[in-house]
């Protein structure tokens, strides 16, 4: 499965984007929903944060190049078997999810503001940082809580350079 809890933000954004799209061409609508209408993944700031080799160190398996996700506000990398994936999404703070009711939800007091990690179809982690919400997700058999936290920390570090 390519998408995990980190894409809950994506669903919220997709509803807003699709309401604006009002297009009858399914290819154009797909491009709007994935963010491809805004340009290639190579120009997506989140896809520029990590190489596929770097992403593989977090998910534990090789992944392909990043693809636009969440209406262009995120990037998605996944393995050849479509069994493991990594997402990095950056959105306005009003779209910041906090899955407090998920069994295993934990606060990360030293990671951004209101940092958290929670199990999902793998693990998701998020934090508010410099007026944006950053949410990462790792799915698949090799996903771990420490990897999700490290990915969030590294994403924050790379975005604040």
C-alpha atoms as a PDB file:
ATOM      1  CA  UNK A   1       0.000   0.000   0.000  1.00  0.00           C
ATOM      2  CA  UNK A   2       1.523   3.322  -1.059  1.00  0.00           C
ATOM      3  CA  UNK A   3      -0.266   5.703   1.276  1.00  0.00           C
ATOM      4  CA  UNK A   4      -0.315   5.793   5.054  1.00  0.00           C
ATOM      5  CA  UNK A   5      -1.737   7.978   7.796  1.00  0.00           C
ATOM      6  CA  UNK A   6       0.577  10.804   6.760  1.00  0.00           C
ATOM      7  CA  UNK A   7      -1.683  11.250   3.779  1.00  0.00           C
ATOM      8  CA  UNK A   8      -4.677  12.136   5.958  1.00  0.00           C
ATOM      9  CA  UNK A   9      -3.577  15.683   5.260  1.00  0.00           C
ATOM     10  CA  UNK A  10      -3.583  14.831   1.598  1.00  0.00           C
ATOM     11  CA  UNK A  11      -7.213  13.790   1.700  1.00  0.00           C
ATOM     12  CA  UNK A  12      -8.210  17.101   3.227  1.00  0.00           C
ATOM     13  CA  UNK A  13      -6.215  18.970   0.632  1.00  0.00           C
ATOM     14  CA  UNK A  14      -7.489  16.808  -2.231  1.00  0.00           C
ATOM     15  CA  UNK A  15     -11.063  17.671  -1.383  1.00  0.00           C
ATOM     16  CA  UNK A  16     -10.206  21.365  -1.552  1.00  0.00           C
ATOM     17  CA  UNK A  17      -8.162  20.972  -4.725  1.00  0.00           C
ATOM     18  CA  UNK A  18     -10.749  18.841  -6.489  1.00  0.00           C
ATOM     19  CA  UNK A  19     -13.465  21.323  -5.618  1.00  0.00           C
ATOM     20  CA  UNK A  20     -11.379  23.965  -7.376  1.00  0.00           C
ATOM     21  CA  UNK A  21     -10.514  21.728 -10.301  1.00  0.00           C
ATOM     22  CA  UNK A  22     -14.027  21.330 -11.740  1.00  0.00           C
ATOM     23  CA  UNK A  23     -12.447  19.737 -14.790  1.00  0.00           C
ATOM     24  CA  UNK A  24     -14.063  17.098 -16.961  1.00  0.00           C
ATOM     25  CA  UNK A  25     -10.788  15.694 -18.320  1.00  0.00           C
ATOM     26  CA  UNK A  26      -9.769  12.835 -15.969  1.00  0.00           C
ATOM     27  CA  UNK A  27      -6.076  13.237 -16.875  1.00  0.00           C
ATOM     28  CA  UNK A  28      -6.118  16.908 -15.922  1.00  0.00           C
ATOM     29  CA  UNK A  29      -7.950  16.133 -12.686  1.00  0.00           C
ATOM     30  CA  UNK A  30      -5.360  13.440 -11.831  1.00  0.00           C
ATOM     31  CA  UNK A  31      -2.569  15.970 -12.448  1.00  0.00           C
ATOM     32  CA  UNK A  32      -4.264  18.487 -10.158  1.00  0.00           C
ATOM     33  CA  UNK A  33      -4.790  15.910  -7.403  1.00  0.00           C
ATOM     34  CA  UNK A  34      -1.224  14.598  -7.443  1.00  0.00           C
ATOM     35  CA  UNK A  35       0.326  18.016  -7.885  1.00  0.00           C
ATOM     36  CA  UNK A  36       1.653  17.201 -11.352  1.00  0.00           C
ATOM     37  CA  UNK A  37      -0.257  20.161 -12.788  1.00  0.00           C
ATOM     38  CA  UNK A  38       2.108  22.380 -10.786  1.00  0.00           C
ATOM     39  CA  UNK A  39       5.209  20.825 -12.322  1.00  0.00           C
ATOM     40  CA  UNK A  40       7.334  17.758 -12.162  1.00  0.00           C
ATOM     41  CA  UNK A  41       8.329  16.020  -8.973  1.00  0.00           C
ATOM     42  CA  UNK A  42      11.879  17.191  -9.678  1.00  0.00           C
ATOM     43  CA  UNK A  43      10.731  20.736  -8.882  1.00  0.00           C
ATOM     44  CA  UNK A  44       8.728  19.707  -5.786  1.00  0.00           C
ATOM     45  CA  UNK A  45      10.577  21.040  -2.705  1.00  0.00           C
ATOM     46  CA  UNK A  46       9.749  17.928  -0.670  1.00  0.00           C
ATOM     47  CA  UNK A  47      11.064  15.599  -3.397  1.00  0.00           C
ATOM     48  CA  UNK A  48      14.306  17.582  -3.421  1.00  0.00           C
ATOM     49  CA  UNK A  49      14.904  16.927   0.292  1.00  0.00           C
ATOM     50  CA  UNK A  50      16.001  13.296  -0.115  1.00  0.00           C
ATOM     51  CA  UNK A  51      17.488  11.051  -2.787  1.00  0.00           C
ATOM     52  CA  UNK A  52      15.977   7.578  -3.274  1.00  0.00           C
ATOM     53  CA  UNK A  53      19.111   6.091  -1.648  1.00  0.00           C
ATOM     54  CA  UNK A  54      18.617   8.293   1.424  1.00  0.00           C
ATOM     55  CA  UNK A  55      14.931   7.386   1.645  1.00  0.00           C
ATOM     56  CA  UNK A  56      15.856   3.692   1.450  1.00  0.00           C
ATOM     57  CA  UNK A  57      17.832   4.035   4.692  1.00  0.00           C
ATOM     58  CA  UNK A  58      14.610   4.996   6.492  1.00  0.00           C
ATOM     59  CA  UNK A  59      12.264   2.420   4.956  1.00  0.00           C
ATOM     60  CA  UNK A  60      14.827  -0.408   4.753  1.00  0.00           C
ATOM     61  CA  UNK A  61      14.282  -1.278   1.080  1.00  0.00           C
ATOM     62  CA  UNK A  62      15.236   0.362  -2.233  1.00  0.00           C
ATOM     63  CA  UNK A  63      12.727   2.913  -3.547  1.00  0.00           C
ATOM     64  CA  UNK A  64      12.195   4.665  -6.840  1.00  0.00           C
ATOM     65  CA  UNK A  65      12.306   8.405  -7.490  1.00  0.00           C
ATOM     66  CA  UNK A  66       9.974  10.676  -5.562  1.00  0.00           C
ATOM     67  CA  UNK A  67       6.553  11.451  -7.008  1.00  0.00           C
ATOM     68  CA  UNK A  68       4.230  14.353  -6.343  1.00  0.00           C
ATOM     69  CA  UNK A  69       1.646  13.635  -3.676  1.00  0.00           C
ATOM     70  CA  UNK A  70      -0.949  15.511  -1.641  1.00  0.00           C
ATOM     71  CA  UNK A  71      -1.721  18.060  -4.316  1.00  0.00           C
ATOM     72  CA  UNK A  72       1.970  18.891  -4.722  1.00  0.00           C
ATOM     73  CA  UNK A  73       2.532  19.587  -1.021  1.00  0.00           C
ATOM     74  CA  UNK A  74       4.145  16.215  -0.515  1.00  0.00           C
ATOM     75  CA  UNK A  75       6.434  13.652  -2.048  1.00  0.00           C
ATOM     76  CA  UNK A  76       6.028   9.885  -2.161  1.00  0.00           C
ATOM     77  CA  UNK A  77       8.703   7.246  -2.676  1.00  0.00           C
ATOM     78  CA  UNK A  78       7.797   3.551  -2.908  1.00  0.00           C
ATOM     79  CA  UNK A  79       9.466   0.230  -3.587  1.00  0.00           C
ATOM     80  CA  UNK A  80       9.175  -1.847  -6.766  1.00  0.00           C
ATOM     81  CA  UNK A  81       6.620  -4.207  -5.191  1.00  0.00           C
ATOM     82  CA  UNK A  82       4.418  -1.384  -3.922  1.00  0.00           C
ATOM     83  CA  UNK A  83       4.741  -2.818  -0.400  1.00  0.00           C
ATOM     84  CA  UNK A  84       6.745  -0.080   1.300  1.00  0.00           C
ATOM     85  CA  UNK A  85       6.618   3.692   1.007  1.00  0.00           C
ATOM     86  CA  UNK A  86       7.779   6.962   2.489  1.00  0.00           C
ATOM     87  CA  UNK A  87       5.912  10.266   2.381  1.00  0.00           C
ATOM     88  CA  UNK A  88       7.007  13.756   3.332  1.00  0.00           C
ATOM     89  CA  UNK A  89       4.265  16.384   3.395  1.00  0.00           C
ATOM     90  CA  UNK A  90       4.480  20.080   4.281  1.00  0.00           C
ATOM     91  CA  UNK A  91       1.251  22.039   4.667  1.00  0.00           C
ATOM     92  CA  UNK A  92      -0.098  25.107   6.471  1.00  0.00           C
ATOM     93  CA  UNK A  93      -0.457  24.584  10.226  1.00  0.00           C
ATOM     94  CA  UNK A  94      -4.263  24.520  10.095  1.00  0.00           C
ATOM     95  CA  UNK A  95      -3.981  21.137   8.289  1.00  0.00           C
ATOM     96  CA  UNK A  96      -1.810  19.662  11.071  1.00  0.00           C
ATOM     97  CA  UNK A  97      -3.172  16.266  12.131  1.00  0.00           C
ATOM     98  CA  UNK A  98      -2.706  14.931  15.632  1.00  0.00           C
ATOM     99  CA  UNK A  99      -3.955  11.347  15.808  1.00  0.00           C
ATOM    100  CA  UNK A 100      -4.275  11.492  19.600  1.00  0.00           C
ATOM    101  CA  UNK A 101      -6.855   8.705  19.698  1.00  0.00           C
ATOM    102  CA  UNK A 102      -4.595   6.196  17.938  1.00  0.00           C
ATOM    103  CA  UNK A 103      -3.341   3.546  20.334  1.00  0.00           C
ATOM    104  CA  UNK A 104       0.416   4.087  20.612  1.00  0.00           C
ATOM    105  CA  UNK A 105       0.308   7.867  19.945  1.00  0.00           C
ATOM    106  CA  UNK A 106       3.275   9.541  21.646  1.00  0.00           C
ATOM    107  CA  UNK A 107       4.351  13.131  22.056  1.00  0.00           C
ATOM    108  CA  UNK A 108       7.833  14.098  20.869  1.00  0.00           C
ATOM    109  CA  UNK A 109       8.600  17.026  23.177  1.00  0.00           C
ATOM    110  CA  UNK A 110      12.009  17.686  21.601  1.00  0.00           C
ATOM    111  CA  UNK A 111      10.832  17.681  17.966  1.00  0.00           C
ATOM    112  CA  UNK A 112       9.358  20.949  16.728  1.00  0.00           C
ATOM    113  CA  UNK A 113       6.194  22.187  18.355  1.00  0.00           C
ATOM    114  CA  UNK A 114       3.475  19.632  19.223  1.00  0.00           C
ATOM    115  CA  UNK A 115       5.624  16.831  17.788  1.00  0.00           C
ATOM    116  CA  UNK A 116       4.141  13.338  17.745  1.00  0.00           C
ATOM    117  CA  UNK A 117       4.623   9.806  16.443  1.00  0.00           C
ATOM    118  CA  UNK A 118       1.921   7.151  16.001  1.00  0.00           C
ATOM    119  CA  UNK A 119       1.539   3.681  14.519  1.00  0.00           C
ATOM    120  CA  UNK A 120      -0.307   3.431  11.261  1.00  0.00           C
ATOM    121  CA  UNK A 121       0.127   1.192   8.241  1.00  0.00           C
ATOM    122  CA  UNK A 122       3.672   1.567   9.506  1.00  0.00           C
ATOM    123  CA  UNK A 123       4.518   4.773  11.385  1.00  0.00           C
ATOM    124  CA  UNK A 124       3.744   8.478  10.996  1.00  0.00           C
ATOM    125  CA  UNK A 125       5.288  11.460  12.752  1.00  0.00           C
ATOM    126  CA  UNK A 126       4.590  15.174  12.616  1.00  0.00           C
ATOM    127  CA  UNK A 127       5.430  18.546  14.110  1.00  0.00           C
ATOM    128  CA  UNK A 128       4.780  22.235  13.662  1.00  0.00           C
ATOM    129  CA  UNK A 129       7.944  24.030  12.560  1.00  0.00           C
ATOM    130  CA  UNK A 130       8.365  27.657  11.454  1.00  0.00           C
ATOM    131  CA  UNK A 131       4.738  28.236  10.508  1.00  0.00           C
ATOM    132  CA  UNK A 132       4.258  24.936   8.630  1.00  0.00           C
ATOM    133  CA  UNK A 133       3.129  21.452   9.534  1.00  0.00           C
ATOM    134  CA  UNK A 134       5.492  18.655   8.558  1.00  0.00           C
ATOM    135  CA  UNK A 135       4.184  15.094   8.506  1.00  0.00           C
ATOM    136  CA  UNK A 136       6.158  12.038   7.439  1.00  0.00           C
ATOM    137  CA  UNK A 137       5.079   8.457   7.041  1.00  0.00           C
ATOM    138  CA  UNK A 138       6.815   5.141   6.553  1.00  0.00           C
ATOM    139  CA  UNK A 139       4.755   2.105   5.613  1.00  0.00           C
ATOM    140  CA  UNK A 140       5.573  -1.514   5.020  1.00  0.00           C
ATOM    141  CA  UNK A 141       6.995  -4.451   6.945  1.00  0.00           C
ATOM    142  CA  UNK A 142      10.271  -2.670   7.621  1.00  0.00           C
ATOM    143  CA  UNK A 143       8.733   0.531   9.016  1.00  0.00           C
ATOM    144  CA  UNK A 144       9.763   1.389  12.568  1.00  0.00           C
ATOM    145  CA  UNK A 145       8.916   4.100  15.056  1.00  0.00           C
ATOM    146  CA  UNK A 146      12.572   5.225  15.381  1.00  0.00           C
ATOM    147  CA  UNK A 147      12.868   5.515  11.582  1.00  0.00           C
ATOM    148  CA  UNK A 148       9.774   7.720  11.386  1.00  0.00           C
ATOM    149  CA  UNK A 149      11.108   9.965  14.146  1.00  0.00           C
ATOM    150  CA  UNK A 150      14.563  10.178  12.503  1.00  0.00           C
ATOM    151  CA  UNK A 151      12.938  10.993   9.148  1.00  0.00           C
ATOM    152  CA  UNK A 152      10.901  13.782  10.738  1.00  0.00           C
ATOM    153  CA  UNK A 153      13.978  15.187  12.487  1.00  0.00           C
ATOM    154  CA  UNK A 154      16.049  15.079   9.292  1.00  0.00           C
ATOM    155  CA  UNK A 155      13.229  16.662   7.266  1.00  0.00           C
ATOM    156  CA  UNK A 156      13.037  19.517   9.778  1.00  0.00           C
ATOM    157  CA  UNK A 157      16.814  19.930   9.700  1.00  0.00           C
ATOM    158  CA  UNK A 158      16.991  20.012   5.893  1.00  0.00           C
ATOM    159  CA  UNK A 159      14.044  22.413   5.562  1.00  0.00           C
ATOM    160  CA  UNK A 160      15.510  24.898   8.028  1.00  0.00           C
ATOM    161  CA  UNK A 161      18.937  25.157   6.359  1.00  0.00           C
END
